[in-house]
């Protein structure tokens, strides 16, 4: 009976170790899950605020067009072909695809003389 009582007693350092382990798990969760998501959301907001009339964009659905008008309610009038307009939300614009299409269109500045 006394041997069982001795085995059931927790060592004084076990609580501290568990607390440190829990803190480490929270830190790892923050570093790999929360922080990158916050960074991506900040980049998306900055991208949406920097859009201007005439920018070439691609929606999440893959529709290509040009920004014709930016409305105050968070929508954009996008011209898909001359005279054809779509009203879309700013959040429906794919940041990655838009940046890729604009990189492909950008003129190169390295010319040989």
Protein backbone atom coordinates (compact mmCIF):
# COMPACT_ATOMS: atom_id res chain seq x y z
CA UNK A 1 0.00 0.00 0.00
CA UNK A 2 2.78 2.44 0.80
CA UNK A 3 4.52 1.60 -2.46
CA UNK A 4 1.37 2.55 -4.39
CA UNK A 5 1.14 5.84 -2.51
CA UNK A 6 4.74 6.63 -3.41
CA UNK A 7 4.17 5.87 -7.09
CA UNK A 8 1.08 8.09 -7.25
CA UNK A 9 2.84 11.13 -5.86
CA UNK A 10 3.87 13.63 -8.53
CA UNK A 11 7.34 15.07 -8.50
CA UNK A 12 7.56 18.82 -7.76
CA UNK A 13 9.11 19.61 -11.17
CA UNK A 14 6.43 17.88 -13.24
CA UNK A 15 4.04 20.86 -13.14
CA UNK A 16 6.77 23.25 -14.25
CA UNK A 17 7.76 20.96 -17.12
CA UNK A 18 4.15 20.68 -18.28
CA UNK A 19 3.75 24.46 -18.13
CA UNK A 20 6.90 24.99 -20.22
CA UNK A 21 5.77 22.34 -22.71
CA UNK A 22 2.35 23.99 -23.05
CA UNK A 23 3.98 27.39 -23.56
CA UNK A 24 6.25 25.92 -26.24
CA UNK A 25 3.27 24.40 -28.05
CA UNK A 26 1.45 27.74 -28.02
CA UNK A 27 4.56 29.50 -29.35
CA UNK A 28 4.97 26.99 -32.20
CA UNK A 29 1.27 27.25 -33.06
CA UNK A 30 1.56 31.05 -33.19
CA UNK A 31 4.73 31.03 -35.30
CA UNK A 32 3.50 28.54 -37.90
CA UNK A 33 -0.25 29.21 -38.05
CA UNK A 34 -1.36 32.62 -36.78
CA UNK A 35 1.56 34.86 -37.76
CA UNK A 36 1.68 33.85 -41.47
CA UNK A 37 -2.09 34.25 -41.74
CA UNK A 38 -1.90 37.77 -40.26
CA UNK A 39 0.90 38.66 -42.67
CA UNK A 40 -1.10 37.40 -45.65
CA UNK A 41 -4.20 39.37 -44.56
CA UNK A 42 -2.12 42.54 -44.20
CA UNK A 43 -0.68 42.07 -47.70
CA UNK A 44 -4.18 41.51 -49.14
CA UNK A 45 -5.50 44.71 -47.53
CA UNK A 46 -2.52 46.70 -48.78
CA UNK A 47 -2.97 45.26 -52.29
CA UNK A 48 -6.69 46.13 -52.34
CA UNK A 49 -6.05 49.69 -51.16
CA UNK A 50 -3.32 50.28 -53.76
CA UNK A 51 -5.48 49.35 -56.78
CA UNK A 52 -6.02 52.10 -59.32
CA UNK A 53 -8.01 52.64 -62.47
CA UNK A 54 -6.34 50.92 -65.42
CA UNK A 55 -4.71 48.10 -63.41
CA UNK A 56 -4.92 44.66 -64.97
CA UNK A 57 -6.48 42.15 -62.56
CA UNK A 58 -7.51 38.51 -62.39
CA UNK A 59 -10.39 37.30 -60.21
CA UNK A 60 -10.38 34.17 -58.10
CA UNK A 61 -12.60 32.58 -60.75
CA UNK A 62 -9.97 33.32 -63.43
CA UNK A 63 -11.68 36.24 -65.17
CA UNK A 64 -9.16 38.71 -66.61
CA UNK A 65 -9.93 42.39 -66.91
CA UNK A 66 -8.99 45.98 -66.20
CA UNK A 67 -10.11 48.16 -63.29
CA UNK A 68 -12.47 50.80 -64.66
CA UNK A 69 -13.88 52.31 -61.46
CA UNK A 70 -13.35 51.78 -57.74
CA UNK A 71 -16.51 52.30 -55.69
CA UNK A 72 -16.64 53.38 -52.04
CA UNK A 73 -18.65 50.30 -51.00
CA UNK A 74 -15.73 47.89 -51.62
CA UNK A 75 -16.67 46.97 -55.18
CA UNK A 76 -14.90 47.47 -58.49
CA UNK A 77 -16.22 47.93 -61.99
CA UNK A 78 -14.03 45.65 -64.10
CA UNK A 79 -13.89 45.88 -67.88
CA UNK A 80 -13.49 42.39 -69.32
CA UNK A 81 -13.69 43.44 -72.98
CA UNK A 82 -14.36 46.84 -74.58
CA UNK A 83 -17.80 47.95 -73.41
CA UNK A 84 -18.39 44.90 -71.16
CA UNK A 85 -18.29 45.55 -67.41
CA UNK A 86 -18.59 43.40 -64.29
CA UNK A 87 -19.17 44.65 -60.76
CA UNK A 88 -17.06 42.57 -58.36
CA UNK A 89 -15.91 42.71 -54.75
CA UNK A 90 -12.31 43.69 -54.03
CA UNK A 91 -11.93 40.47 -52.06
CA UNK A 92 -12.68 38.46 -55.25
CA UNK A 93 -9.40 39.52 -56.83
CA UNK A 94 -6.60 36.96 -56.76
CA UNK A 95 -3.46 38.64 -55.50
CA UNK A 96 -1.10 35.93 -56.75
CA UNK A 97 -2.56 35.68 -60.25
CA UNK A 98 -2.78 39.47 -60.60
CA UNK A 99 0.85 39.91 -59.57
CA UNK A 100 1.94 37.15 -61.97
CA UNK A 101 0.08 38.67 -64.92
CA UNK A 102 1.48 42.12 -64.17
CA UNK A 103 5.04 40.74 -63.95
CA UNK A 104 4.62 39.10 -67.36
CA UNK A 105 3.35 42.35 -68.90
CA UNK A 106 5.93 44.65 -67.27
CA UNK A 107 8.57 45.90 -69.72
CA UNK A 108 12.14 44.84 -69.15
CA UNK A 109 14.64 47.58 -68.37
CA UNK A 110 17.77 45.63 -69.25
CA UNK A 111 18.54 46.60 -72.83
CA UNK A 112 21.92 46.05 -74.47
CA UNK A 113 23.48 48.95 -76.31
